[in-house]
N, C-alpha and C. Protein backbone atom coordinates (compact mmCIF):
# COMPACT_ATOMS: atom_id res chain seq x y z
N MET A 1 -50.92 -239.61 35.53
CA MET A 1 -51.85 -239.69 36.09
C MET A 1 -53.15 -239.29 36.65
N SER A 2 -53.95 -240.02 37.21
CA SER A 2 -55.85 -240.02 37.08
C SER A 2 -55.96 -238.84 37.96
N LYS A 3 -56.51 -239.01 38.33
CA LYS A 3 -57.27 -237.39 39.91
C LYS A 3 -57.58 -239.05 41.17
N GLU A 4 -56.35 -238.87 42.16
CA GLU A 4 -56.99 -239.61 43.67
C GLU A 4 -57.27 -239.31 43.99
N ALA A 5 -57.75 -239.98 45.32
CA ALA A 5 -58.82 -239.86 46.10
C ALA A 5 -57.89 -238.79 47.16
N GLY A 6 -59.25 -237.91 47.35
CA GLY A 6 -58.66 -236.54 48.65
C GLY A 6 -57.53 -235.49 47.76
N LEU A 7 -57.32 -235.70 46.26
CA LEU A 7 -56.40 -234.99 45.62
C LEU A 7 -57.84 -233.57 45.07
N LEU A 8 -57.07 -233.03 45.08
CA LEU A 8 -58.22 -231.69 43.72
C LEU A 8 -57.88 -230.66 42.76
N LYS A 9 -58.73 -230.52 42.23
CA LYS A 9 -57.63 -229.61 41.18
C LYS A 9 -57.66 -228.56 41.24
N ILE A 10 -57.04 -227.43 40.35
CA ILE A 10 -57.65 -226.34 41.26
C ILE A 10 -58.16 -225.15 41.01
N SER A 11 -59.49 -225.85 40.66
CA SER A 11 -60.69 -225.19 40.78
C SER A 11 -61.25 -224.85 41.87
N GLU A 12 -60.88 -226.57 42.23
CA GLU A 12 -61.66 -227.03 43.48
C GLU A 12 -61.00 -226.06 44.64
N ILE A 13 -59.27 -226.58 44.26
CA ILE A 13 -58.81 -225.77 46.10
C ILE A 13 -60.05 -224.35 45.58
N ALA A 14 -59.44 -223.47 44.16
CA ALA A 14 -59.46 -222.39 44.91
C ALA A 14 -61.33 -221.97 46.14
N GLU A 15 -61.98 -222.74 44.77
CA GLU A 15 -63.50 -222.67 45.72
C GLU A 15 -63.26 -222.40 47.03
N LYS A 16 -62.69 -223.61 47.74
CA LYS A 16 -62.72 -223.92 48.72
C LYS A 16 -62.46 -223.23 49.40
N GLY A 17 -60.56 -222.35 48.74
CA GLY A 17 -60.24 -220.94 49.88
C GLY A 17 -60.80 -220.24 49.41
N SER A 18 -61.44 -219.98 48.91
CA SER A 18 -62.16 -218.62 48.62
C SER A 18 -61.30 -218.04 47.99
N VAL A 19 -60.51 -218.04 46.72
CA VAL A 19 -59.12 -217.55 45.96
C VAL A 19 -59.32 -217.29 44.58
N LEU A 20 -58.87 -217.20 43.80
CA LEU A 20 -58.87 -217.10 41.89
C LEU A 20 -58.33 -218.55 41.46
N PRO A 21 -58.79 -219.53 40.97
CA PRO A 21 -57.52 -220.12 40.45
C PRO A 21 -56.52 -218.81 40.05
N SER A 22 -56.51 -218.32 39.26
CA SER A 22 -55.02 -217.15 39.55
C SER A 22 -53.74 -217.72 40.35
N THR A 23 -55.07 -217.16 41.86
CA THR A 23 -53.92 -216.88 42.24
C THR A 23 -53.52 -218.17 42.98
N ILE A 24 -54.05 -219.30 42.80
CA ILE A 24 -53.46 -221.56 42.80
C ILE A 24 -52.35 -221.45 42.06
N ARG A 25 -52.13 -220.86 40.83
CA ARG A 25 -51.66 -221.24 40.12
C ARG A 25 -50.06 -220.14 40.58
N HIS A 26 -50.54 -218.58 40.36
CA HIS A 26 -49.74 -217.67 40.69
C HIS A 26 -48.84 -218.41 42.17
N TYR A 27 -48.94 -218.66 43.35
CA TYR A 27 -48.86 -219.13 44.35
C TYR A 27 -47.93 -220.46 44.64
N THR A 28 -48.33 -221.16 43.50
CA THR A 28 -47.45 -222.74 43.37
C THR A 28 -46.06 -222.14 42.33
N ASP A 29 -46.56 -221.32 41.96
CA ASP A 29 -45.09 -221.09 40.51
C ASP A 29 -44.65 -220.06 41.27
N LEU A 30 -44.05 -219.40 42.68
CA LEU A 30 -43.16 -218.97 43.50
C LEU A 30 -43.30 -219.77 44.79
N GLY A 31 -43.76 -221.00 44.83
CA GLY A 31 -43.80 -222.34 45.62
C GLY A 31 -44.16 -221.98 46.88
N LEU A 32 -45.31 -221.34 47.24
CA LEU A 32 -45.46 -221.10 48.60
C LEU A 32 -46.45 -222.12 49.01
N LEU A 33 -46.95 -223.11 47.37
CA LEU A 33 -48.10 -224.09 47.24
C LEU A 33 -47.61 -225.56 47.04
N GLN A 34 -47.83 -226.44 47.45
CA GLN A 34 -47.07 -227.79 46.74
C GLN A 34 -48.32 -228.91 46.02
N TYR A 35 -47.88 -228.74 44.60
CA TYR A 35 -48.60 -229.86 44.79
C TYR A 35 -48.46 -230.94 44.64
N ALA A 36 -49.25 -232.20 44.81
CA ALA A 36 -49.40 -233.24 45.08
C ALA A 36 -49.41 -234.74 44.35
N ALA A 37 -49.68 -234.02 42.51
CA ALA A 37 -48.98 -234.41 41.47
C ALA A 37 -50.10 -234.03 40.85
N THR A 38 -49.94 -234.57 39.27
CA THR A 38 -50.90 -234.03 38.20
C THR A 38 -51.32 -235.69 37.04
N THR A 39 -53.05 -234.65 36.54
CA THR A 39 -53.40 -236.07 35.42
C THR A 39 -52.70 -236.29 34.42
N ASP A 40 -52.98 -236.96 33.61
CA ASP A 40 -52.39 -237.06 32.32
C ASP A 40 -52.47 -236.32 31.93
N GLY A 41 -53.59 -234.90 32.06
CA GLY A 41 -52.71 -233.85 30.54
C GLY A 41 -52.30 -233.30 31.41
N GLY A 42 -51.25 -233.26 32.70
CA GLY A 42 -51.07 -232.59 32.86
C GLY A 42 -51.21 -231.05 33.94
N HIS A 43 -52.73 -231.62 34.60
CA HIS A 43 -53.44 -230.85 35.54
C HIS A 43 -52.69 -230.66 36.54
N ARG A 44 -52.37 -229.88 37.28
CA ARG A 44 -51.96 -229.96 38.58
C ARG A 44 -53.14 -230.56 39.65
N LEU A 45 -52.96 -231.33 40.87
CA LEU A 45 -53.55 -231.56 42.15
C LEU A 45 -53.16 -231.41 43.26
N TYR A 46 -53.62 -231.40 44.16
CA TYR A 46 -53.35 -230.86 44.98
C TYR A 46 -54.34 -231.32 46.62
N HIS A 47 -53.41 -231.70 47.91
CA HIS A 47 -54.19 -232.07 49.01
C HIS A 47 -54.53 -231.31 49.61
N GLU A 48 -55.81 -231.72 49.41
CA GLU A 48 -57.11 -230.54 50.29
C GLU A 48 -56.70 -230.05 51.47
N GLN A 49 -56.08 -230.42 52.58
CA GLN A 49 -56.62 -230.15 54.12
C GLN A 49 -55.12 -229.82 53.78
N GLU A 50 -53.72 -229.95 53.39
CA GLU A 50 -52.49 -228.86 53.56
C GLU A 50 -52.52 -228.13 52.68
N THR A 51 -53.10 -227.68 51.85
CA THR A 51 -53.33 -227.21 50.86
C THR A 51 -53.84 -225.89 51.73
N LEU A 52 -54.87 -225.77 52.10
CA LEU A 52 -56.08 -224.61 52.60
C LEU A 52 -55.55 -224.34 53.79
N THR A 53 -54.65 -225.17 54.41
CA THR A 53 -53.98 -225.11 55.72
C THR A 53 -53.16 -223.71 55.33
N GLN A 54 -51.72 -224.18 54.83
CA GLN A 54 -51.42 -223.47 54.01
C GLN A 54 -51.56 -221.82 53.31
N LEU A 55 -53.04 -221.95 52.70
CA LEU A 55 -53.72 -220.55 52.23
C LEU A 55 -53.54 -219.81 53.42
N ALA A 56 -54.32 -220.04 53.84
CA ALA A 56 -54.81 -219.55 55.65
C ALA A 56 -53.98 -218.75 56.61
N ARG A 57 -52.51 -220.18 56.76
CA ARG A 57 -51.18 -219.01 56.69
C ARG A 57 -50.91 -218.07 55.88
N ILE A 58 -50.72 -217.85 54.78
CA ILE A 58 -50.71 -216.79 53.68
C ILE A 58 -51.93 -215.72 53.45
N LYS A 59 -52.77 -215.79 54.36
CA LYS A 59 -53.58 -215.17 53.88
C LYS A 59 -53.26 -214.20 55.87
N ARG A 60 -52.66 -215.39 56.49
CA ARG A 60 -53.54 -214.23 57.68
C ARG A 60 -51.47 -213.48 58.56
N LEU A 61 -50.64 -214.04 56.95
CA LEU A 61 -49.16 -213.67 56.84
C LEU A 61 -49.44 -211.95 55.91
N ALA A 62 -50.55 -212.57 54.76
CA ALA A 62 -50.34 -210.66 54.66
C ALA A 62 -51.66 -209.72 54.73
N ALA A 63 -52.53 -210.10 55.59
CA ALA A 63 -53.20 -209.16 56.71
C ALA A 63 -51.93 -208.81 57.41
N ARG A 64 -50.87 -209.49 57.52
CA ARG A 64 -49.76 -208.30 58.88
C ARG A 64 -49.58 -207.93 58.31
N GLY A 65 -49.33 -207.49 56.73
CA GLY A 65 -48.38 -206.21 55.80
C GLY A 65 -47.04 -207.47 55.22
N LEU A 66 -46.97 -208.28 55.56
CA LEU A 66 -46.14 -209.02 54.21
C LEU A 66 -46.51 -209.71 52.42
N SER A 67 -44.98 -208.58 52.77
CA SER A 67 -44.95 -208.82 51.10
C SER A 67 -44.78 -209.89 51.18
N LEU A 68 -45.01 -210.92 49.63
CA LEU A 68 -45.06 -212.20 49.02
C LEU A 68 -43.30 -212.73 49.28
N PRO A 69 -42.65 -212.25 48.79
CA PRO A 69 -41.74 -212.75 49.18
C PRO A 69 -40.83 -212.78 50.76
N ASP A 70 -41.55 -212.03 51.70
CA ASP A 70 -41.01 -212.42 52.57
C ASP A 70 -42.03 -213.26 53.44
N ILE A 71 -43.36 -213.29 52.84
CA ILE A 71 -44.18 -214.34 53.28
C ILE A 71 -43.83 -216.08 52.40
N LYS A 72 -42.90 -216.31 51.73
CA LYS A 72 -42.16 -217.01 51.62
C LYS A 72 -41.03 -217.61 52.44
N ALA A 73 -40.24 -216.72 52.82
CA ALA A 73 -38.98 -216.54 53.92
C ALA A 73 -40.04 -216.57 55.18
N GLU A 74 -41.06 -216.95 55.20
CA GLU A 74 -41.95 -216.83 56.61
C GLU A 74 -42.23 -219.09 56.68
N LEU A 75 -42.62 -219.40 55.83
CA LEU A 75 -43.08 -220.69 55.22
C LEU A 75 -42.56 -220.76 54.98
N THR A 76 -41.21 -221.18 54.37
CA THR A 76 -39.85 -221.58 54.55
C THR A 76 -39.06 -222.25 55.28
N GLY A 77 -38.93 -221.60 56.48
CA GLY A 77 -38.30 -220.96 57.81
C GLY A 77 -37.06 -220.40 57.08
N LYS A 78 -36.95 -219.77 56.34
CA LYS A 78 -35.59 -218.57 56.08
C LYS A 78 -35.78 -217.12 56.81
N GLY A 79 -36.96 -217.11 57.39
CA GLY A 79 -37.57 -215.40 58.12
C GLY A 79 -36.88 -216.07 59.29
N LYS A 80 -37.24 -215.28 60.54
CA LYS A 80 -36.81 -215.61 61.74
C LYS A 80 -38.23 -216.40 62.86
N LYS A 81 -36.81 -216.77 63.51
CA LYS A 81 -38.02 -217.55 64.10
C LYS A 81 -39.25 -217.21 65.60
N ARG A 82 -40.86 -217.34 65.03
CA ARG A 82 -41.09 -217.23 66.15
C ARG A 82 -41.04 -217.73 67.51
N ILE A 83 -41.43 -217.14 68.99
CA ILE A 83 -41.51 -218.33 69.47
C ILE A 83 -41.94 -217.21 71.03
N LEU A 84 -43.70 -217.51 71.12
CA LEU A 84 -43.99 -216.92 72.57
C LEU A 84 -43.93 -218.02 73.46
N VAL A 85 -44.25 -217.15 74.69
CA VAL A 85 -43.32 -217.34 75.93
C VAL A 85 -44.55 -216.64 76.43
N VAL A 86 -45.30 -218.07 77.65
CA VAL A 86 -46.70 -217.58 78.34
C VAL A 86 -46.28 -218.17 79.34
N ASP A 87 -45.52 -217.44 80.40
CA ASP A 87 -45.57 -217.61 82.01
C ASP A 87 -45.92 -216.77 82.26
N ASP A 88 -45.78 -216.66 83.65
CA ASP A 88 -46.92 -215.95 84.58
C ASP A 88 -45.64 -215.31 85.74
N GLU A 89 -44.44 -215.83 85.50
CA GLU A 89 -42.97 -215.64 86.25
C GLU A 89 -42.57 -214.70 85.71
N GLN A 90 -42.24 -213.55 86.35
CA GLN A 90 -41.40 -212.94 85.55
C GLN A 90 -40.10 -212.82 84.59
N GLU A 91 -39.59 -213.72 86.25
CA GLU A 91 -38.22 -214.31 86.45
C GLU A 91 -37.69 -215.08 85.76
N VAL A 92 -38.96 -216.24 84.98
CA VAL A 92 -38.98 -217.54 84.40
C VAL A 92 -38.37 -216.93 83.29
N CYS A 93 -39.28 -215.78 82.66
CA CYS A 93 -39.82 -215.78 80.80
C CYS A 93 -38.37 -214.15 81.18
N GLU A 94 -37.72 -213.96 81.64
CA GLU A 94 -35.72 -213.23 81.90
C GLU A 94 -35.30 -214.56 81.47
N LEU A 95 -35.31 -215.14 82.10
CA LEU A 95 -34.01 -216.30 81.99
C LEU A 95 -34.61 -216.33 80.12
N VAL A 96 -35.50 -217.17 80.06
CA VAL A 96 -36.00 -217.09 78.49
C VAL A 96 -35.22 -216.21 77.56
N ASN A 97 -35.56 -215.00 78.15
CA ASN A 97 -35.70 -213.97 76.69
C ASN A 97 -33.61 -213.99 76.75
N ASP A 98 -33.51 -214.18 77.70
CA ASP A 98 -31.38 -213.85 78.14
C ASP A 98 -30.97 -215.50 77.30
N ALA A 99 -31.14 -216.03 77.85
CA ALA A 99 -30.63 -217.66 77.69
C ALA A 99 -30.72 -218.05 75.84
N LEU A 100 -31.62 -217.13 75.25
CA LEU A 100 -31.87 -217.40 73.79
C LEU A 100 -31.32 -215.92 73.26
N LYS A 101 -31.92 -214.64 73.26
CA LYS A 101 -31.55 -214.34 72.54
C LYS A 101 -30.03 -213.56 72.42
N ASP A 102 -30.21 -212.80 70.72
CA ASP A 102 -28.46 -213.52 70.14
C ASP A 102 -28.13 -214.27 69.96
N ARG A 103 -28.92 -215.78 69.26
CA ARG A 103 -28.34 -216.67 69.47
C ARG A 103 -28.38 -216.82 68.23
N HIS A 104 -29.66 -216.72 67.11
CA HIS A 104 -30.44 -217.05 66.30
C HIS A 104 -31.88 -215.76 66.08
N PRO A 105 -31.88 -215.53 64.59
CA PRO A 105 -32.90 -214.91 64.23
C PRO A 105 -33.95 -215.58 64.79
N PHE A 106 -34.43 -215.40 66.33
CA PHE A 106 -35.43 -215.10 66.77
C PHE A 106 -36.57 -213.82 66.95
N ASP A 107 -37.94 -214.58 66.70
CA ASP A 107 -38.73 -212.59 67.13
C ASP A 107 -39.32 -213.37 67.94
N ILE A 108 -38.90 -212.55 69.14
CA ILE A 108 -39.16 -213.51 71.27
C ILE A 108 -40.82 -212.53 71.55
N ARG A 109 -42.13 -212.97 72.02
CA ARG A 109 -42.77 -212.79 72.00
C ARG A 109 -43.36 -213.14 73.74
N ILE A 110 -43.87 -212.22 74.72
CA ILE A 110 -44.55 -212.93 76.07
C ILE A 110 -45.47 -212.03 76.88
N VAL A 111 -46.43 -213.35 76.67
CA VAL A 111 -47.18 -213.51 77.57
C VAL A 111 -47.76 -213.78 79.11
N HIS A 112 -48.35 -213.21 79.75
CA HIS A 112 -48.09 -213.93 81.47
C HIS A 112 -49.68 -215.06 81.68
N ASP A 113 -50.54 -214.32 80.70
CA ASP A 113 -51.68 -215.59 80.93
C ASP A 113 -52.33 -216.09 79.92
N GLY A 114 -53.10 -216.77 80.14
CA GLY A 114 -53.53 -218.10 79.14
C GLY A 114 -54.98 -216.90 78.25
N PHE A 115 -55.30 -216.12 78.77
CA PHE A 115 -56.03 -215.64 77.88
C PHE A 115 -55.25 -214.59 76.73
N SER A 116 -54.26 -214.03 77.28
CA SER A 116 -53.38 -212.94 76.39
C SER A 116 -53.15 -213.67 75.45
N ALA A 117 -52.28 -215.63 75.47
CA ALA A 117 -51.56 -216.33 74.94
C ALA A 117 -52.92 -216.31 73.71
N GLY A 118 -54.01 -216.72 74.36
CA GLY A 118 -55.09 -216.78 73.44
C GLY A 118 -55.52 -215.95 71.96
N ARG A 119 -55.49 -214.13 72.33
CA ARG A 119 -55.48 -212.92 71.93
C ARG A 119 -54.33 -213.33 70.54
N ILE A 120 -53.17 -213.65 71.56
CA ILE A 120 -52.41 -212.93 70.70
C ILE A 120 -51.53 -213.78 69.78
N LEU A 121 -52.15 -215.67 69.86
CA LEU A 121 -51.46 -216.66 68.71
C LEU A 121 -52.22 -216.77 67.66
N ALA A 122 -53.79 -216.05 66.81
CA ALA A 122 -53.71 -216.58 65.94
C ALA A 122 -52.87 -215.35 65.00
N ASP A 123 -52.51 -213.82 65.14
CA ASP A 123 -52.07 -212.57 64.88
C ASP A 123 -50.38 -213.13 64.73
N PHE A 124 -49.42 -214.33 65.60
CA PHE A 124 -48.16 -214.27 65.99
C PHE A 124 -48.03 -215.61 65.26
N ILE A 125 -47.92 -216.43 65.06
CA ILE A 125 -48.32 -217.72 64.32
C ILE A 125 -46.86 -218.15 64.85
N PRO A 126 -46.48 -218.59 65.92
CA PRO A 126 -45.94 -219.05 66.63
C PRO A 126 -45.06 -220.22 66.17
N ASP A 127 -43.11 -220.52 66.28
CA ASP A 127 -42.86 -222.01 65.90
C ASP A 127 -42.52 -222.60 66.63
N LEU A 128 -42.58 -221.74 68.12
CA LEU A 128 -41.77 -222.56 69.24
C LEU A 128 -43.36 -222.12 70.31
N VAL A 129 -44.03 -222.63 71.23
CA VAL A 129 -44.34 -221.77 72.82
C VAL A 129 -44.00 -222.55 73.81
N ILE A 130 -43.47 -221.62 74.53
CA ILE A 130 -42.58 -222.81 75.36
C ILE A 130 -44.30 -221.47 76.87
N LEU A 131 -44.88 -223.10 77.16
CA LEU A 131 -46.09 -222.56 77.65
C LEU A 131 -46.58 -223.18 79.86
N ASP A 132 -45.74 -221.96 79.98
CA ASP A 132 -46.00 -222.76 82.03
C ASP A 132 -47.36 -223.59 81.84
N LEU A 133 -47.60 -224.54 82.83
CA LEU A 133 -49.00 -224.85 83.10
C LEU A 133 -49.93 -224.59 83.53
N MET A 134 -49.26 -223.47 84.79
CA MET A 134 -50.09 -223.65 86.04
C MET A 134 -50.09 -221.88 86.16
N LEU A 135 -50.77 -221.15 85.20
CA LEU A 135 -50.80 -219.78 84.39
C LEU A 135 -52.55 -219.23 85.40
N PRO A 136 -52.64 -217.60 85.48
CA PRO A 136 -53.85 -217.33 85.66
C PRO A 136 -55.44 -217.18 85.16
N GLY A 137 -55.75 -217.97 84.48
CA GLY A 137 -57.17 -217.27 84.02
C GLY A 137 -57.02 -219.11 83.52
N LEU A 138 -56.41 -218.77 81.85
CA LEU A 138 -56.66 -220.67 81.52
C LEU A 138 -55.34 -220.59 81.92
N ASP A 139 -55.09 -221.94 82.63
CA ASP A 139 -53.88 -222.97 82.12
C ASP A 139 -53.51 -223.75 80.56
N GLY A 140 -52.15 -223.88 81.32
CA GLY A 140 -51.79 -223.95 79.81
C GLY A 140 -52.51 -225.26 79.53
N PHE A 141 -52.75 -226.16 80.37
CA PHE A 141 -53.39 -227.80 79.31
C PHE A 141 -54.23 -226.94 78.60
N HIS A 142 -55.29 -226.00 78.70
CA HIS A 142 -56.28 -225.26 77.55
C HIS A 142 -55.60 -224.67 76.35
N VAL A 143 -54.82 -223.62 76.90
CA VAL A 143 -53.80 -222.96 75.78
C VAL A 143 -53.19 -224.40 75.03
N CYS A 144 -53.03 -224.97 75.35
CA CYS A 144 -52.36 -226.47 74.64
C CYS A 144 -53.12 -226.83 73.79
N ARG A 145 -54.42 -226.95 74.63
CA ARG A 145 -55.46 -228.27 73.17
C ARG A 145 -55.65 -226.86 72.58
N GLN A 146 -56.42 -225.97 72.45
CA GLN A 146 -56.32 -224.78 71.65
C GLN A 146 -55.75 -224.32 70.77
N ILE A 147 -54.25 -224.79 71.12
CA ILE A 147 -52.63 -224.57 69.87
C ILE A 147 -53.26 -225.79 69.12
N ARG A 148 -53.41 -227.01 69.69
CA ARG A 148 -52.91 -227.97 68.78
C ARG A 148 -55.37 -228.37 67.82
N ALA A 149 -55.89 -227.34 68.63
CA ALA A 149 -57.41 -227.63 67.54
C ALA A 149 -57.09 -226.11 66.48
N ASP A 150 -56.22 -225.59 65.98
CA ASP A 150 -56.05 -224.38 65.34
C ASP A 150 -55.28 -225.21 64.43
N GLN A 151 -56.34 -225.20 62.98
CA GLN A 151 -55.71 -225.51 61.94
C GLN A 151 -54.43 -224.70 61.45
N MET A 152 -54.69 -222.95 61.50
CA MET A 152 -53.07 -222.11 61.54
C MET A 152 -52.02 -222.66 61.87
N LEU A 153 -52.16 -223.22 63.19
CA LEU A 153 -50.55 -222.79 64.01
C LEU A 153 -49.95 -225.22 64.21
N LEU A 154 -50.72 -225.43 62.79
CA LEU A 154 -50.38 -226.65 63.00
C LEU A 154 -48.90 -227.49 63.23
N GLY A 155 -47.74 -226.33 62.63
CA GLY A 155 -46.82 -226.54 63.01
C GLY A 155 -45.80 -226.21 63.55
N ALA A 156 -46.93 -225.92 64.97
CA ALA A 156 -45.95 -225.09 66.55
C ALA A 156 -45.94 -225.98 66.67
N LYS A 157 -44.94 -225.57 67.82
CA LYS A 157 -43.82 -227.01 69.12
C LYS A 157 -44.75 -226.36 70.21
N ILE A 158 -44.40 -227.19 71.20
CA ILE A 158 -44.99 -226.94 72.60
C ILE A 158 -43.76 -227.62 72.67
N LEU A 159 -43.65 -226.51 73.68
CA LEU A 159 -42.11 -226.56 74.93
C LEU A 159 -43.66 -226.33 76.90
N ALA A 160 -43.64 -227.23 77.12
CA ALA A 160 -44.48 -227.39 78.27
C ALA A 160 -43.21 -227.22 79.30
N VAL A 161 -43.51 -226.33 80.19
CA VAL A 161 -42.71 -225.72 81.56
C VAL A 161 -43.27 -225.86 82.65
N THR A 162 -42.82 -226.54 84.10
CA THR A 162 -44.25 -226.32 85.38
C THR A 162 -42.78 -227.06 86.43
N GLY A 163 -43.72 -226.37 87.61
CA GLY A 163 -42.76 -227.18 88.55
C GLY A 163 -43.14 -227.89 89.39
N TYR A 164 -44.53 -228.33 88.75
CA TYR A 164 -44.77 -229.49 89.48
C TYR A 164 -45.15 -230.21 88.31
N ASP A 165 -43.33 -231.35 88.59
CA ASP A 165 -44.44 -232.29 86.83
C ASP A 165 -43.92 -233.50 87.75
N THR A 166 -45.64 -233.50 87.83
CA THR A 166 -46.33 -234.54 88.27
C THR A 166 -46.60 -235.96 87.60
N PRO A 167 -46.30 -236.98 87.87
CA PRO A 167 -46.74 -238.18 86.64
C PRO A 167 -47.88 -237.95 85.76
N GLU A 168 -48.76 -237.13 87.08
CA GLU A 168 -50.85 -237.29 86.22
C GLU A 168 -50.52 -235.44 85.38
N ASN A 169 -49.67 -233.94 85.60
CA ASN A 169 -49.42 -233.57 85.00
C ASN A 169 -48.17 -233.61 83.75
N THR A 170 -47.32 -234.10 83.89
CA THR A 170 -47.00 -234.45 83.05
C THR A 170 -47.37 -235.78 81.40
N ARG A 171 -48.39 -236.21 81.94
CA ARG A 171 -49.72 -237.16 81.28
C ARG A 171 -49.74 -236.49 80.61
N LYS A 172 -51.42 -235.61 81.55
CA LYS A 172 -52.17 -234.80 80.71
C LYS A 172 -51.74 -233.77 79.59
N ILE A 173 -50.32 -232.82 79.23
CA ILE A 173 -49.72 -231.88 78.87
C ILE A 173 -49.38 -232.34 77.81
N LEU A 174 -48.79 -233.78 77.65
CA LEU A 174 -48.52 -234.40 76.04
C LEU A 174 -49.57 -235.47 75.99
N ASP A 175 -50.59 -235.54 76.18
CA ASP A 175 -51.82 -236.12 75.36
C ASP A 175 -52.82 -234.71 74.50
N ALA A 176 -52.40 -233.28 75.83
CA ALA A 176 -53.11 -232.27 74.99
C ALA A 176 -51.86 -231.76 74.06
N GLY A 177 -50.47 -232.95 73.39
CA GLY A 177 -50.34 -231.94 72.40
C GLY A 177 -48.71 -231.63 72.72
N ALA A 178 -48.27 -230.83 74.48
CA ALA A 178 -47.39 -230.92 73.92
C ALA A 178 -45.70 -231.43 73.11
N ASP A 179 -44.91 -231.65 72.97
CA ASP A 179 -43.66 -231.83 72.51
C ASP A 179 -42.24 -232.86 72.75
N LYS A 180 -42.15 -232.00 74.06
CA LYS A 180 -41.89 -231.55 75.43
C LYS A 180 -42.27 -230.35 76.50
N LEU A 181 -41.89 -231.84 77.54
CA LEU A 181 -41.49 -231.09 79.06
C LEU A 181 -40.31 -230.63 80.07
N LEU A 182 -40.33 -229.80 80.79
CA LEU A 182 -39.41 -229.28 80.95
C LEU A 182 -40.23 -229.24 82.94
N THR A 183 -38.35 -229.10 83.69
CA THR A 183 -38.97 -228.90 85.15
C THR A 183 -38.39 -227.72 85.57
N LYS A 184 -39.52 -227.21 86.58
CA LYS A 184 -38.93 -225.62 86.44
C LYS A 184 -37.98 -226.08 87.93
N PRO A 185 -36.98 -224.96 88.51
CA PRO A 185 -35.40 -224.33 87.94
C PRO A 185 -35.73 -224.92 86.63
N LEU A 186 -36.12 -223.57 85.48
CA LEU A 186 -35.58 -224.23 84.13
C LEU A 186 -33.26 -224.43 83.62
N ASP A 187 -33.56 -225.21 83.37
CA ASP A 187 -31.75 -225.21 83.77
C ASP A 187 -31.77 -224.95 81.85
N THR A 188 -30.81 -223.80 81.53
CA THR A 188 -30.16 -223.21 80.50
C THR A 188 -29.99 -224.21 79.59
N ARG A 189 -29.21 -224.18 79.52
CA ARG A 189 -28.41 -226.07 79.00
C ARG A 189 -29.85 -226.88 78.22
N GLU A 190 -30.47 -227.78 78.90
CA GLU A 190 -32.19 -228.04 78.97
C GLU A 190 -32.73 -227.30 77.97
N LEU A 191 -33.15 -226.44 78.05
CA LEU A 191 -33.07 -225.46 77.44
C LEU A 191 -33.01 -225.29 76.05
N LEU A 192 -32.20 -224.45 76.08
CA LEU A 192 -31.29 -224.48 74.78
C LEU A 192 -30.96 -225.77 74.13
N LYS A 193 -31.61 -226.86 74.89
CA LYS A 193 -31.31 -227.97 73.39
C LYS A 193 -32.74 -228.37 73.65
N ALA A 194 -33.61 -227.85 74.14
CA ALA A 194 -34.75 -228.79 73.51
C ALA A 194 -35.67 -227.34 72.81
N VAL A 195 -34.75 -226.32 72.91
CA VAL A 195 -35.63 -225.48 71.35
C VAL A 195 -34.34 -225.90 69.99
N GLU A 196 -33.23 -225.71 70.05
CA GLU A 196 -32.28 -226.60 68.93
C GLU A 196 -33.74 -227.52 67.75
N GLU A 197 -34.03 -228.46 69.65
CA GLU A 197 -34.24 -229.91 68.93
C GLU A 197 -35.91 -229.51 68.38
N LEU A 198 -36.26 -229.02 69.20
CA LEU A 198 -37.97 -229.06 68.31
C LEU A 198 -37.90 -228.32 67.06
N LEU A 199 -36.87 -227.18 67.04
CA LEU A 199 -36.74 -225.95 65.73
C LEU A 199 -35.85 -226.86 64.40
N ASN A 200 -35.57 -227.75 64.83
CA ASN A 200 -34.02 -228.53 64.02
C ASN A 200 -33.13 -227.00 63.61
N ILE A 201 -33.14 -226.27 64.45
CA ILE A 201 -31.82 -225.13 63.74
C ILE A 201 -30.43 -225.65 64.80
N THR A 202 -29.11 -225.02 64.99
CA THR A 202 -28.38 -224.94 65.81
C THR A 202 -28.40 -223.31 66.26
N MET A 203 -27.54 -222.88 67.06
CA MET A 203 -27.87 -221.09 67.65
C MET A 203 -26.41 -221.56 67.68
N THR A 204 -26.51 -219.96 68.11
CA THR A 204 -25.02 -219.69 67.83
C THR A 204 -23.81 -220.35 69.46
N VAL A 205 -23.02 -220.44 69.56
CA VAL A 205 -22.20 -220.17 70.77
C VAL A 205 -21.86 -218.69 71.42
N ARG A 206 -22.11 -218.11 72.58
CA ARG A 206 -21.68 -217.27 73.11
C ARG A 206 -20.15 -217.21 73.42
N ALA A 207 -19.48 -216.03 72.90
CA ALA A 207 -17.76 -216.37 73.61
C ALA A 207 -18.12 -216.25 74.94
N VAL A 208 -17.36 -216.50 76.07
CA VAL A 208 -17.43 -216.45 77.58
C VAL A 208 -16.32 -214.84 78.21
């Protein structure tokens, strides 16, 4: 097929992504990048924004020291699911950690304020953020908007939690980009169900 609007050739996407064309070919052959179509001559064509976002993720994971096989596992969901818990209540953090640990290959990080969340987000690249609304410093609404504005975090799910589930707060956090809201005190069964739904996984049931 001929070149379509919004699709770029390997040389074009390589220039925009600041990599060599051979890198694009290599990543595509490895399954790290996906092409959208081909020209009549058989040349691959790529969606610009999707490919640049994926390239950015690959670069960030490589900067963390991951090998290409490990990066592929991360990007295809076969690696550990990364969960960032952002809550200033230690009891809530312990409840979430205890509820989730040993039920799935999770990598769980915990921070207690919005500023710390902002610092860890870019390096950790979470699959799920469990986010309290009322945080010291930057509140959960601000953190939620920050996540949704970051191209690196496009795939992250946001599970908001709050003890102040007023209609206004519910509307504000969903408008800011949260995928779901749970009220405090957290019900463990509701938490597990929400995590399974948002991450599209099935967790291990612990023996009683």
